[in-house]
């Protein structure tokens, strides 16, 4: 093969444990996945059908929900097959494709969260000029840029990983193909891939995190200058859900990827990846629904009609 590999497929181990434990995990993963797809799809439909929610903030939220559906879809169905023992093998090309798909969507999420933070910064710091500063054209351009940048940022990393040589063993101690697992199995020099991973992490994760943090520093300082307690509460409620999602996402992502080499144990990576790819997409719809007054009002109107 062109990439010099003698291994044409890998075996995914999934999670250790008894058959009953595996079945319990399958039930949890299946329920979580179903609720994730339903919850995120419901947000998209809710925003689409309520003109009151046709604003840049909810446009970005729809992009995030759409992303979360595909992000968890790229992991959970295969993971369920691995745990049931019906689909434990994955071809080399499919492994690289899954890695590229997941890392690209993860990078896109980083950029989307920073764009959403910038949107909240404009809304709270420049409320009178917000509609002219953040119009539908700019929000569409920002969203498109996030998607393009997310996929382009991972292209070189995926290409370098594809060029690695794999001589065996062919067993991946994970339920998905991630970068650390590929590096651990490669019998060629992995330094270029590790360096590319680190540099991409700095550019994608830390750069977007800095934009988000700076936006929230200005947001919090503006909120604290509001005289009335009701005004401060109202301003903070517009960004509290996003701040919660940002904290959860960046905490786990920085742990996984912002490191100079593959130093984390694969078992700890497996646990954090579960949180990133299964739990976080599941939590996001509930966080935005329970902590957002406008979304709750839109849901109430839907239920009242029915």
C-alpha atoms as a PDB file:
ATOM      1  CA  UNK A   1       0.000   0.000   0.000  1.00  0.00           C
ATOM      2  CA  UNK A   2       1.057   3.588  -0.568  1.00  0.00           C
ATOM      3  CA  UNK A   3       1.244   4.332   3.132  1.00  0.00           C
ATOM      4  CA  UNK A   4       3.638   1.471   3.744  1.00  0.00           C
ATOM      5  CA  UNK A   5       1.364  -0.362   6.211  1.00  0.00           C
ATOM      6  CA  UNK A   6       1.158  -4.156   6.512  1.00  0.00           C
ATOM      7  CA  UNK A   7      -1.864  -3.952   8.827  1.00  0.00           C
ATOM      8  CA  UNK A   8      -5.095  -3.681   6.861  1.00  0.00           C
ATOM      9  CA  UNK A   9      -7.511  -3.681   9.800  1.00  0.00           C
ATOM     10  CA  UNK A  10      -7.515  -3.117  13.535  1.00  0.00           C
ATOM     11  CA  UNK A  11      -9.361  -4.774  16.398  1.00  0.00           C
ATOM     12  CA  UNK A  12     -11.096  -2.407  18.818  1.00  0.00           C
ATOM     13  CA  UNK A  13     -11.134  -3.713  22.390  1.00  0.00           C
ATOM     14  CA  UNK A  14     -13.759  -1.338  23.758  1.00  0.00           C
ATOM     15  CA  UNK A  15     -14.227  -1.510  27.533  1.00  0.00           C
ATOM     16  CA  UNK A  16     -12.973  -4.314  29.781  1.00  0.00           C
ATOM     17  CA  UNK A  17     -15.476  -6.227  31.885  1.00  0.00           C
ATOM     18  CA  UNK A  18     -17.986  -9.048  31.984  1.00  0.00           C
ATOM     19  CA  UNK A  19     -20.712  -9.656  29.379  1.00  0.00           C
ATOM     20  CA  UNK A  20     -23.342  -8.215  31.731  1.00  0.00           C
ATOM     21  CA  UNK A  21     -21.259  -5.063  32.120  1.00  0.00           C
ATOM     22  CA  UNK A  22     -20.929  -4.772  28.333  1.00  0.00           C
ATOM     23  CA  UNK A  23     -24.699  -5.144  27.906  1.00  0.00           C
ATOM     24  CA  UNK A  24     -25.275  -2.470  30.566  1.00  0.00           C
ATOM     25  CA  UNK A  25     -22.930  -0.117  28.698  1.00  0.00           C
ATOM     26  CA  UNK A  26     -24.758  -0.861  25.428  1.00  0.00           C
ATOM     27  CA  UNK A  27     -28.074   0.102  27.049  1.00  0.00           C
ATOM     28  CA  UNK A  28     -26.582   3.331  28.446  1.00  0.00           C
ATOM     29  CA  UNK A  29     -24.916   4.228  25.135  1.00  0.00           C
ATOM     30  CA  UNK A  30     -28.085   3.463  23.157  1.00  0.00           C
ATOM     31  CA  UNK A  31     -30.336   5.551  25.408  1.00  0.00           C
ATOM     32  CA  UNK A  32     -27.835   8.406  25.540  1.00  0.00           C
ATOM     33  CA  UNK A  33     -27.374   8.379  21.765  1.00  0.00           C
ATOM     34  CA  UNK A  34     -31.135   8.341  21.128  1.00  0.00           C
ATOM     35  CA  UNK A  35     -31.734  11.236  23.524  1.00  0.00           C
ATOM     36  CA  UNK A  36     -28.775  13.140  22.030  1.00  0.00           C
ATOM     37  CA  UNK A  37     -30.150  12.909  18.493  1.00  0.00           C
ATOM     38  CA  UNK A  38     -33.718  13.699  19.607  1.00  0.00           C
ATOM     39  CA  UNK A  39     -32.613  16.596  21.835  1.00  0.00           C
ATOM     40  CA  UNK A  40     -30.355  18.272  19.293  1.00  0.00           C
ATOM     41  CA  UNK A  41     -32.790  17.704  16.420  1.00  0.00           C
ATOM     42  CA  UNK A  42     -35.555  19.211  18.578  1.00  0.00           C
ATOM     43  CA  UNK A  43     -33.498  22.373  19.097  1.00  0.00           C
ATOM     44  CA  UNK A  44     -33.023  22.718  15.325  1.00  0.00           C
ATOM     45  CA  UNK A  45     -36.748  22.229  14.666  1.00  0.00           C
ATOM     46  CA  UNK A  46     -37.701  24.558  17.534  1.00  0.00           C
ATOM     47  CA  UNK A  47     -35.500  27.370  16.223  1.00  0.00           C
ATOM     48  CA  UNK A  48     -36.607  26.770  12.629  1.00  0.00           C
ATOM     49  CA  UNK A  49     -40.325  26.961  13.505  1.00  0.00           C
ATOM     50  CA  UNK A  50     -40.192  29.920  15.933  1.00  0.00           C
ATOM     51  CA  UNK A  51     -39.541  33.292  14.346  1.00  0.00           C
ATOM     52  CA  UNK A  52     -38.693  34.724  17.786  1.00  0.00           C
ATOM     53  CA  UNK A  53     -35.589  32.523  17.757  1.00  0.00           C
ATOM     54  CA  UNK A  54     -34.369  33.623  14.313  1.00  0.00           C
ATOM     55  CA  UNK A  55     -31.356  35.451  15.718  1.00  0.00           C
ATOM     56  CA  UNK A  56     -27.583  34.921  15.301  1.00  0.00           C
ATOM     57  CA  UNK A  57     -27.309  33.296  18.736  1.00  0.00           C
ATOM     58  CA  UNK A  58     -29.801  30.564  17.854  1.00  0.00           C
ATOM     59  CA  UNK A  59     -28.385  30.225  14.355  1.00  0.00           C
ATOM     60  CA  UNK A  60     -25.038  29.324  15.957  1.00  0.00           C
ATOM     61  CA  UNK A  61     -26.859  27.023  18.380  1.00  0.00           C
ATOM     62  CA  UNK A  62     -28.450  25.172  15.432  1.00  0.00           C
ATOM     63  CA  UNK A  63     -25.006  24.717  13.898  1.00  0.00           C
ATOM     64  CA  UNK A  64     -23.747  23.339  17.205  1.00  0.00           C
ATOM     65  CA  UNK A  65     -26.705  20.948  17.531  1.00  0.00           C
ATOM     66  CA  UNK A  66     -26.259  19.733  13.947  1.00  0.00           C
ATOM     67  CA  UNK A  67     -22.562  19.159  14.663  1.00  0.00           C
ATOM     68  CA  UNK A  68     -23.285  17.256  17.892  1.00  0.00           C
ATOM     69  CA  UNK A  69     -25.622  14.849  16.076  1.00  0.00           C
ATOM     70  CA  UNK A  70     -22.892  13.855  13.620  1.00  0.00           C
ATOM     71  CA  UNK A  71     -20.129  13.953  16.235  1.00  0.00           C
ATOM     72  CA  UNK A  72     -21.817  11.341  18.410  1.00  0.00           C
ATOM     73  CA  UNK A  73     -23.021   9.396  15.343  1.00  0.00           C
ATOM     74  CA  UNK A  74     -19.400   8.966  14.286  1.00  0.00           C
ATOM     75  CA  UNK A  75     -18.689   7.121  17.541  1.00  0.00           C
ATOM     76  CA  UNK A  76     -21.651   5.520  19.318  1.00  0.00           C
ATOM     77  CA  UNK A  77     -23.076   3.068  16.691  1.00  0.00           C
ATOM     78  CA  UNK A  78     -19.606   1.574  16.122  1.00  0.00           C
ATOM     79  CA  UNK A  79     -18.889   1.528  19.877  1.00  0.00           C
ATOM     80  CA  UNK A  80     -22.119  -0.412  20.485  1.00  0.00           C
ATOM     81  CA  UNK A  81     -21.039  -2.979  17.858  1.00  0.00           C
ATOM     82  CA  UNK A  82     -17.638  -3.264  19.559  1.00  0.00           C
ATOM     83  CA  UNK A  83     -19.186  -3.853  22.996  1.00  0.00           C
ATOM     84  CA  UNK A  84     -21.621  -6.444  21.630  1.00  0.00           C
ATOM     85  CA  UNK A  85     -18.753  -8.190  19.835  1.00  0.00           C
ATOM     86  CA  UNK A  86     -20.495  -7.948  16.449  1.00  0.00           C
ATOM     87  CA  UNK A  87     -18.253  -5.276  14.916  1.00  0.00           C
ATOM     88  CA  UNK A  88     -14.889  -5.222  16.666  1.00  0.00           C
ATOM     89  CA  UNK A  89     -12.757  -4.846  13.541  1.00  0.00           C
ATOM     90  CA  UNK A  90     -12.233  -1.650  11.581  1.00  0.00           C
ATOM     91  CA  UNK A  91     -10.262  -1.286   8.356  1.00  0.00           C
ATOM     92  CA  UNK A  92      -7.200   0.943   8.289  1.00  0.00           C
ATOM     93  CA  UNK A  93      -8.846   3.422   5.911  1.00  0.00           C
ATOM     94  CA  UNK A  94     -12.064   3.495   7.965  1.00  0.00           C
ATOM     95  CA  UNK A  95      -9.971   4.083  11.097  1.00  0.00           C
ATOM     96  CA  UNK A  96      -8.222   7.095   9.556  1.00  0.00           C
ATOM     97  CA  UNK A  97     -11.553   8.359   8.206  1.00  0.00           C
ATOM     98  CA  UNK A  98     -13.145   8.154  11.666  1.00  0.00           C
ATOM     99  CA  UNK A  99     -10.150   9.935  13.180  1.00  0.00           C
ATOM    100  CA  UNK A 100     -10.344  12.698  10.557  1.00  0.00           C
ATOM    101  CA  UNK A 101     -14.116  13.037  10.923  1.00  0.00           C
ATOM    102  CA  UNK A 102     -14.074  13.253  14.733  1.00  0.00           C
ATOM    103  CA  UNK A 103     -11.091  15.603  14.993  1.00  0.00           C
ATOM    104  CA  UNK A 104     -12.532  17.874  12.278  1.00  0.00           C
ATOM    105  CA  UNK A 105     -15.899  18.084  14.027  1.00  0.00           C
ATOM    106  CA  UNK A 106     -14.153  18.669  17.352  1.00  0.00           C
ATOM    107  CA  UNK A 107     -12.101  21.497  15.824  1.00  0.00           C
ATOM    108  CA  UNK A 108     -15.244  22.969  14.283  1.00  0.00           C
ATOM    109  CA  UNK A 109     -16.906  22.900  17.701  1.00  0.00           C
ATOM    110  CA  UNK A 110     -13.998  24.851  19.196  1.00  0.00           C
ATOM    111  CA  UNK A 111     -14.374  27.541  16.531  1.00  0.00           C
ATOM    112  CA  UNK A 112     -18.183  27.589  16.863  1.00  0.00           C
ATOM    113  CA  UNK A 113     -17.989  28.041  20.636  1.00  0.00           C
ATOM    114  CA  UNK A 114     -15.585  30.967  20.198  1.00  0.00           C
ATOM    115  CA  UNK A 115     -17.905  32.504  17.564  1.00  0.00           C
ATOM    116  CA  UNK A 116     -20.816  32.131  19.984  1.00  0.00           C
ATOM    117  CA  UNK A 117     -18.767  33.810  22.714  1.00  0.00           C
ATOM    118  CA  UNK A 118     -17.984  36.686  20.353  1.00  0.00           C
ATOM    119  CA  UNK A 119     -21.702  36.958  19.536  1.00  0.00           C
ATOM    120  CA  UNK A 120     -22.552  37.195  23.263  1.00  0.00           C
ATOM    121  CA  UNK A 121     -19.779  39.789  23.694  1.00  0.00           C
ATOM    122  CA  UNK A 122     -21.361  42.005  21.032  1.00  0.00           C
ATOM    123  CA  UNK A 123     -24.870  41.488  22.422  1.00  0.00           C
ATOM    124  CA  UNK A 124     -23.953  42.440  25.994  1.00  0.00           C
ATOM    125  CA  UNK A 125     -21.211  45.017  25.466  1.00  0.00           C
ATOM    126  CA  UNK A 126     -22.849  46.765  22.484  1.00  0.00           C
ATOM    127  CA  UNK A 127     -26.602  46.138  22.889  1.00  0.00           C
ATOM    128  CA  UNK A 128     -27.710  49.179  20.869  1.00  0.00           C
ATOM    129  CA  UNK A 129     -25.451  48.348  17.907  1.00  0.00           C
ATOM    130  CA  UNK A 130     -25.741  44.567  18.131  1.00  0.00           C
ATOM    131  CA  UNK A 131     -28.246  44.085  15.287  1.00  0.00           C
ATOM    132  CA  UNK A 132     -26.031  46.058  12.905  1.00  0.00           C
ATOM    133  CA  UNK A 133     -22.752  44.516  14.096  1.00  0.00           C
ATOM    134  CA  UNK A 134     -23.943  40.893  14.079  1.00  0.00           C
ATOM    135  CA  UNK A 135     -26.360  40.568  11.159  1.00  0.00           C
ATOM    136  CA  UNK A 136     -27.476  37.414   9.354  1.00  0.00           C
ATOM    137  CA  UNK A 137     -24.755  37.752   6.702  1.00  0.00           C
ATOM    138  CA  UNK A 138     -21.911  37.999   9.224  1.00  0.00           C
ATOM    139  CA  UNK A 139     -23.274  35.144  11.340  1.00  0.00           C
ATOM    140  CA  UNK A 140     -23.523  32.923   8.231  1.00  0.00           C
ATOM    141  CA  UNK A 141     -19.969  33.862   7.217  1.00  0.00           C
ATOM    142  CA  UNK A 142     -18.666  33.099  10.714  1.00  0.00           C
ATOM    143  CA  UNK A 143     -20.434  29.722  10.817  1.00  0.00           C
ATOM    144  CA  UNK A 144     -19.133  28.755   7.377  1.00  0.00           C
ATOM    145  CA  UNK A 145     -15.618  29.815   8.374  1.00  0.00           C
ATOM    146  CA  UNK A 146     -15.832  27.647  11.500  1.00  0.00           C
ATOM    147  CA  UNK A 147     -16.756  24.560   9.450  1.00  0.00           C
ATOM    148  CA  UNK A 148     -14.093  25.159   6.802  1.00  0.00           C
ATOM    149  CA  UNK A 149     -11.361  25.950   9.331  1.00  0.00           C
ATOM    150  CA  UNK A 150     -12.272  22.911  11.436  1.00  0.00           C
ATOM    151  CA  UNK A 151     -11.891  20.467   8.553  1.00  0.00           C
ATOM    152  CA  UNK A 152      -8.883  22.149   6.953  1.00  0.00           C
ATOM    153  CA  UNK A 153      -6.995  22.248  10.263  1.00  0.00           C
ATOM    154  CA  UNK A 154      -7.113  18.454  10.559  1.00  0.00           C
ATOM    155  CA  UNK A 155      -6.326  17.622   6.907  1.00  0.00           C
ATOM    156  CA  UNK A 156      -2.522  17.657   7.303  1.00  0.00           C
ATOM    157  CA  UNK A 157      -2.689  15.709  10.571  1.00  0.00           C
ATOM    158  CA  UNK A 158      -4.886  13.017   8.994  1.00  0.00           C
ATOM    159  CA  UNK A 159      -2.556  12.792   5.990  1.00  0.00           C
ATOM    160  CA  UNK A 160       0.527  12.359   8.205  1.00  0.00           C
ATOM    161  CA  UNK A 161      -1.262   9.689  10.238  1.00  0.00           C
ATOM    162  CA  UNK A 162      -2.213   7.870   7.026  1.00  0.00           C
ATOM    163  CA  UNK A 163       1.487   7.781   6.057  1.00  0.00           C
ATOM    164  CA  UNK A 164       2.499   6.009   9.280  1.00  0.00           C
ATOM    165  CA  UNK A 165       3.711   2.418   9.077  1.00  0.00           C
ATOM    166  CA  UNK A 166       1.826  -0.232  11.079  1.00  0.00           C
ATOM    167  CA  UNK A 167       3.575  -3.603  11.410  1.00  0.00           C
ATOM    168  CA  UNK A 168       1.518  -5.041  14.258  1.00  0.00           C
ATOM    169  CA  UNK A 169       0.109  -5.553  16.807  1.00  0.00           C
ATOM    170  CA  UNK A 170      -3.267  -4.595  15.412  1.00  0.00           C
ATOM    171  CA  UNK A 171      -5.245  -4.248  18.654  1.00  0.00           C
ATOM    172  CA  UNK A 172      -6.501  -0.781  19.659  1.00  0.00           C
ATOM    173  CA  UNK A 173      -7.273  -0.426  23.359  1.00  0.00           C
ATOM    174  CA  UNK A 174     -10.244   1.838  22.692  1.00  0.00           C
ATOM    175  CA  UNK A 175     -13.785   1.914  21.320  1.00  0.00           C
ATOM    176  CA  UNK A 176     -12.768   4.361  18.551  1.00  0.00           C
ATOM    177  CA  UNK A 177      -9.743   5.343  16.474  1.00  0.00           C
ATOM    178  CA  UNK A 178      -8.013   8.263  18.147  1.00  0.00           C
ATOM    179  CA  UNK A 179      -4.633   9.805  17.519  1.00  0.00           C
ATOM    180  CA  UNK A 180      -2.911   8.390  20.627  1.00  0.00           C
ATOM    181  CA  UNK A 181      -3.994   4.835  19.773  1.00  0.00           C
ATOM    182  CA  UNK A 182      -2.564   5.144  16.258  1.00  0.00           C
ATOM    183  CA  UNK A 183       0.705   6.550  17.584  1.00  0.00           C
ATOM    184  CA  UNK A 184       0.985   3.727  20.120  1.00  0.00           C
ATOM    185  CA  UNK A 185       0.634   1.057  17.384  1.00  0.00           C
ATOM    186  CA  UNK A 186       2.869   2.628  14.742  1.00  0.00           C
ATOM    187  CA  UNK A 187       6.291   1.086  14.129  1.00  0.00           C
ATOM    188  CA  UNK A 188       7.615   4.166  12.288  1.00  0.00           C
ATOM    189  CA  UNK A 189       8.792   7.539  13.560  1.00  0.00           C
ATOM    190  CA  UNK A 190       5.745   9.260  15.081  1.00  0.00           C
ATOM    191  CA  UNK A 191       7.486  12.541  15.915  1.00  0.00           C
ATOM    192  CA  UNK A 192       6.087  14.462  12.883  1.00  0.00           C
ATOM    193  CA  UNK A 193       2.522  13.396  13.799  1.00  0.00           C
ATOM    194  CA  UNK A 194       3.020  14.249  17.477  1.00  0.00           C
ATOM    195  CA  UNK A 195       4.420  17.665  16.526  1.00  0.00           C
ATOM    196  CA  UNK A 196       1.549  18.301  14.090  1.00  0.00           C
ATOM    197  CA  UNK A 197      -0.970  17.230  16.752  1.00  0.00           C
ATOM    198  CA  UNK A 198       0.552  19.594  19.273  1.00  0.00           C
ATOM    199  CA  UNK A 199       0.687  22.539  16.840  1.00  0.00           C
ATOM    200  CA  UNK A 200      -2.877  21.970  15.632  1.00  0.00           C
ATOM    201  CA  UNK A 201      -4.001  21.757  19.263  1.00  0.00           C
ATOM    202  CA  UNK A 202      -2.337  25.075  20.038  1.00  0.00           C
ATOM    203  CA  UNK A 203      -3.905  26.779  17.021  1.00  0.00           C
ATOM    204  CA  UNK A 204      -7.368  25.230  17.277  1.00  0.00           C
ATOM    205  CA  UNK A 205      -7.977  24.598  20.968  1.00  0.00           C
ATOM    206  CA  UNK A 206      -5.928  27.232  22.777  1.00  0.00           C
ATOM    207  CA  UNK A 207      -6.462  30.025  20.219  1.00  0.00           C
ATOM    208  CA  UNK A 208     -10.243  29.545  20.221  1.00  0.00           C
ATOM    209  CA  UNK A 209     -10.172  29.184  24.014  1.00  0.00           C
ATOM    210  CA  UNK A 210      -8.332  32.510  24.326  1.00  0.00           C
ATOM    211  CA  UNK A 211     -10.919  34.230  22.104  1.00  0.00           C
ATOM    212  CA  UNK A 212     -13.669  32.752  24.283  1.00  0.00           C
ATOM    213  CA  UNK A 213     -11.973  33.744  27.544  1.00  0.00           C
ATOM    214  CA  UNK A 214     -11.267  37.311  26.393  1.00  0.00           C
ATOM    215  CA  UNK A 215     -14.884  37.656  25.238  1.00  0.00           C
ATOM    216  CA  UNK A 216     -16.127  36.527  28.651  1.00  0.00           C
ATOM    217  CA  UNK A 217     -13.753  38.838  30.511  1.00  0.00           C
ATOM    218  CA  UNK A 218     -15.354  41.766  28.677  1.00  0.00           C
ATOM    219  CA  UNK A 219     -18.828  40.273  29.154  1.00  0.00           C
ATOM    220  CA  UNK A 220     -18.420  39.819  32.918  1.00  0.00           C
ATOM    221  CA  UNK A 221     -16.927  43.290  33.352  1.00  0.00           C
ATOM    222  CA  UNK A 222     -19.881  44.783  31.432  1.00  0.00           C
ATOM    223  CA  UNK A 223     -22.403  42.795  33.505  1.00  0.00           C
ATOM    224  CA  UNK A 224     -20.817  43.965  36.762  1.00  0.00           C
ATOM    225  CA  UNK A 225     -21.236  47.593  35.650  1.00  0.00           C
ATOM    226  CA  UNK A 226     -25.011  47.157  35.301  1.00  0.00           C
ATOM    227  CA  UNK A 227     -26.680  49.000  38.189  1.00  0.00           C
ATOM    228  CA  UNK A 228     -29.759  46.847  38.861  1.00  0.00           C
ATOM    229  CA  UNK A 229     -29.617  43.276  40.133  1.00  0.00           C
ATOM    230  CA  UNK A 230     -32.411  42.315  37.712  1.00  0.00           C
ATOM    231  CA  UNK A 231     -30.415  43.727  34.787  1.00  0.00           C
ATOM    232  CA  UNK A 232     -27.315  41.795  35.816  1.00  0.00           C
ATOM    233  CA  UNK A 233     -29.314  38.575  36.168  1.00  0.00           C
ATOM    234  CA  UNK A 234     -30.962  39.041  32.771  1.00  0.00           C
ATOM    235  CA  UNK A 235     -27.633  39.757  31.056  1.00  0.00           C
ATOM    236  CA  UNK A 236     -25.917  36.783  32.658  1.00  0.00           C
ATOM    237  CA  UNK A 237     -28.809  34.439  31.778  1.00  0.00           C
ATOM    238  CA  UNK A 238     -28.188  35.064  28.063  1.00  0.00           C
ATOM    239  CA  UNK A 239     -24.692  33.563  28.251  1.00  0.00           C
ATOM    240  CA  UNK A 240     -24.734  31.212  31.271  1.00  0.00           C
ATOM    241  CA  UNK A 241     -25.713  28.165  29.199  1.00  0.00           C
ATOM    242  CA  UNK A 242     -22.947  28.798  26.692  1.00  0.00           C
ATOM    243  CA  UNK A 243     -20.409  29.358  29.476  1.00  0.00           C
ATOM    244  CA  UNK A 244     -21.377  25.994  31.011  1.00  0.00           C
ATOM    245  CA  UNK A 245     -20.901  24.180  27.677  1.00  0.00           C
ATOM    246  CA  UNK A 246     -17.584  25.956  27.067  1.00  0.00           C
ATOM    247  CA  UNK A 247     -16.224  24.917  30.478  1.00  0.00           C
ATOM    248  CA  UNK A 248     -17.159  21.253  29.975  1.00  0.00           C
ATOM    249  CA  UNK A 249     -15.878  21.076  26.387  1.00  0.00           C
ATOM    250  CA  UNK A 250     -12.556  22.861  26.759  1.00  0.00           C
ATOM    251  CA  UNK A 251     -11.684  21.105  30.016  1.00  0.00           C
ATOM    252  CA  UNK A 252     -11.853  17.640  28.447  1.00  0.00           C
ATOM    253  CA  UNK A 253     -10.437  18.687  25.056  1.00  0.00           C
ATOM    254  CA  UNK A 254      -7.346  20.350  26.517  1.00  0.00           C
ATOM    255  CA  UNK A 255      -6.685  17.202  28.577  1.00  0.00           C
ATOM    256  CA  UNK A 256      -6.872  15.007  25.463  1.00  0.00           C
ATOM    257  CA  UNK A 257      -4.944  17.010  22.889  1.00  0.00           C
ATOM    258  CA  UNK A 258      -2.874  19.891  24.274  1.00  0.00           C
ATOM    259  CA  UNK A 259       0.294  18.013  25.161  1.00  0.00           C
ATOM    260  CA  UNK A 260       3.718  17.743  23.482  1.00  0.00           C
ATOM    261  CA  UNK A 261       3.498  13.938  23.138  1.00  0.00           C
ATOM    262  CA  UNK A 262       1.159  10.998  23.690  1.00  0.00           C
ATOM    263  CA  UNK A 263       1.729  10.926  27.446  1.00  0.00           C
ATOM    264  CA  UNK A 264      -1.791  10.233  28.725  1.00  0.00           C
ATOM    265  CA  UNK A 265      -2.658   6.595  29.417  1.00  0.00           C
ATOM    266  CA  UNK A 266      -5.036   5.083  26.887  1.00  0.00           C
ATOM    267  CA  UNK A 267      -7.429   4.115  29.708  1.00  0.00           C
ATOM    268  CA  UNK A 268      -7.739   7.738  30.871  1.00  0.00           C
ATOM    269  CA  UNK A 269      -8.143   8.844  27.234  1.00  0.00           C
ATOM    270  CA  UNK A 270     -10.943   6.294  26.855  1.00  0.00           C
ATOM    271  CA  UNK A 271     -12.799   7.745  29.829  1.00  0.00           C
ATOM    272  CA  UNK A 272     -12.404  11.374  28.706  1.00  0.00           C
ATOM    273  CA  UNK A 273     -13.316  10.469  25.114  1.00  0.00           C
ATOM    274  CA  UNK A 274     -16.524   8.900  26.424  1.00  0.00           C
ATOM    275  CA  UNK A 275     -17.303  12.175  28.146  1.00  0.00           C
ATOM    276  CA  UNK A 276     -16.480  14.204  25.011  1.00  0.00           C
ATOM    277  CA  UNK A 277     -18.232  12.096  22.395  1.00  0.00           C
ATOM    278  CA  UNK A 278     -21.171  10.674  24.359  1.00  0.00           C
ATOM    279  CA  UNK A 279     -21.935  12.717  27.481  1.00  0.00           C
ATOM    280  CA  UNK A 280     -21.305  16.282  26.257  1.00  0.00           C
ATOM    281  CA  UNK A 281     -23.501  16.045  23.107  1.00  0.00           C
ATOM    282  CA  UNK A 282     -26.198  14.544  25.345  1.00  0.00           C
ATOM    283  CA  UNK A 283     -25.976  17.347  27.932  1.00  0.00           C
ATOM    284  CA  UNK A 284     -25.895  20.323  25.551  1.00  0.00           C
ATOM    285  CA  UNK A 285     -29.623  20.357  24.585  1.00  0.00           C
ATOM    286  CA  UNK A 286     -30.630  20.130  28.239  1.00  0.00           C
ATOM    287  CA  UNK A 287     -28.201  22.859  29.302  1.00  0.00           C
ATOM    288  CA  UNK A 288     -29.469  25.253  26.627  1.00  0.00           C
ATOM    289  CA  UNK A 289     -33.113  24.345  27.320  1.00  0.00           C
ATOM    290  CA  UNK A 290     -33.037  24.545  31.127  1.00  0.00           C
ATOM    291  CA  UNK A 291     -30.860  27.660  31.326  1.00  0.00           C
ATOM    292  CA  UNK A 292     -32.396  29.692  28.499  1.00  0.00           C
ATOM    293  CA  UNK A 293     -35.613  31.618  29.065  1.00  0.00           C
ATOM    294  CA  UNK A 294     -36.440  32.124  25.374  1.00  0.00           C
ATOM    295  CA  UNK A 295     -36.058  28.431  24.558  1.00  0.00           C
ATOM    296  CA  UNK A 296     -38.235  27.464  27.535  1.00  0.00           C
ATOM    297  CA  UNK A 297     -40.916  29.921  26.399  1.00  0.00           C
ATOM    298  CA  UNK A 298     -40.813  28.511  22.852  1.00  0.00           C
ATOM    299  CA  UNK A 299     -41.156  24.965  24.228  1.00  0.00           C
ATOM    300  CA  UNK A 300     -44.060  26.059  26.424  1.00  0.00           C
ATOM    301  CA  UNK A 301     -45.867  27.490  23.392  1.00  0.00           C
ATOM    302  CA  UNK A 302     -45.357  24.212  21.509  1.00  0.00           C
ATOM    303  CA  UNK A 303     -46.833  22.168  24.348  1.00  0.00           C
ATOM    304  CA  UNK A 304     -49.745  24.586  24.789  1.00  0.00           C
ATOM    305  CA  UNK A 305     -50.639  24.216  21.083  1.00  0.00           C
ATOM    306  CA  UNK A 306     -50.655  20.451  21.446  1.00  0.00           C
END
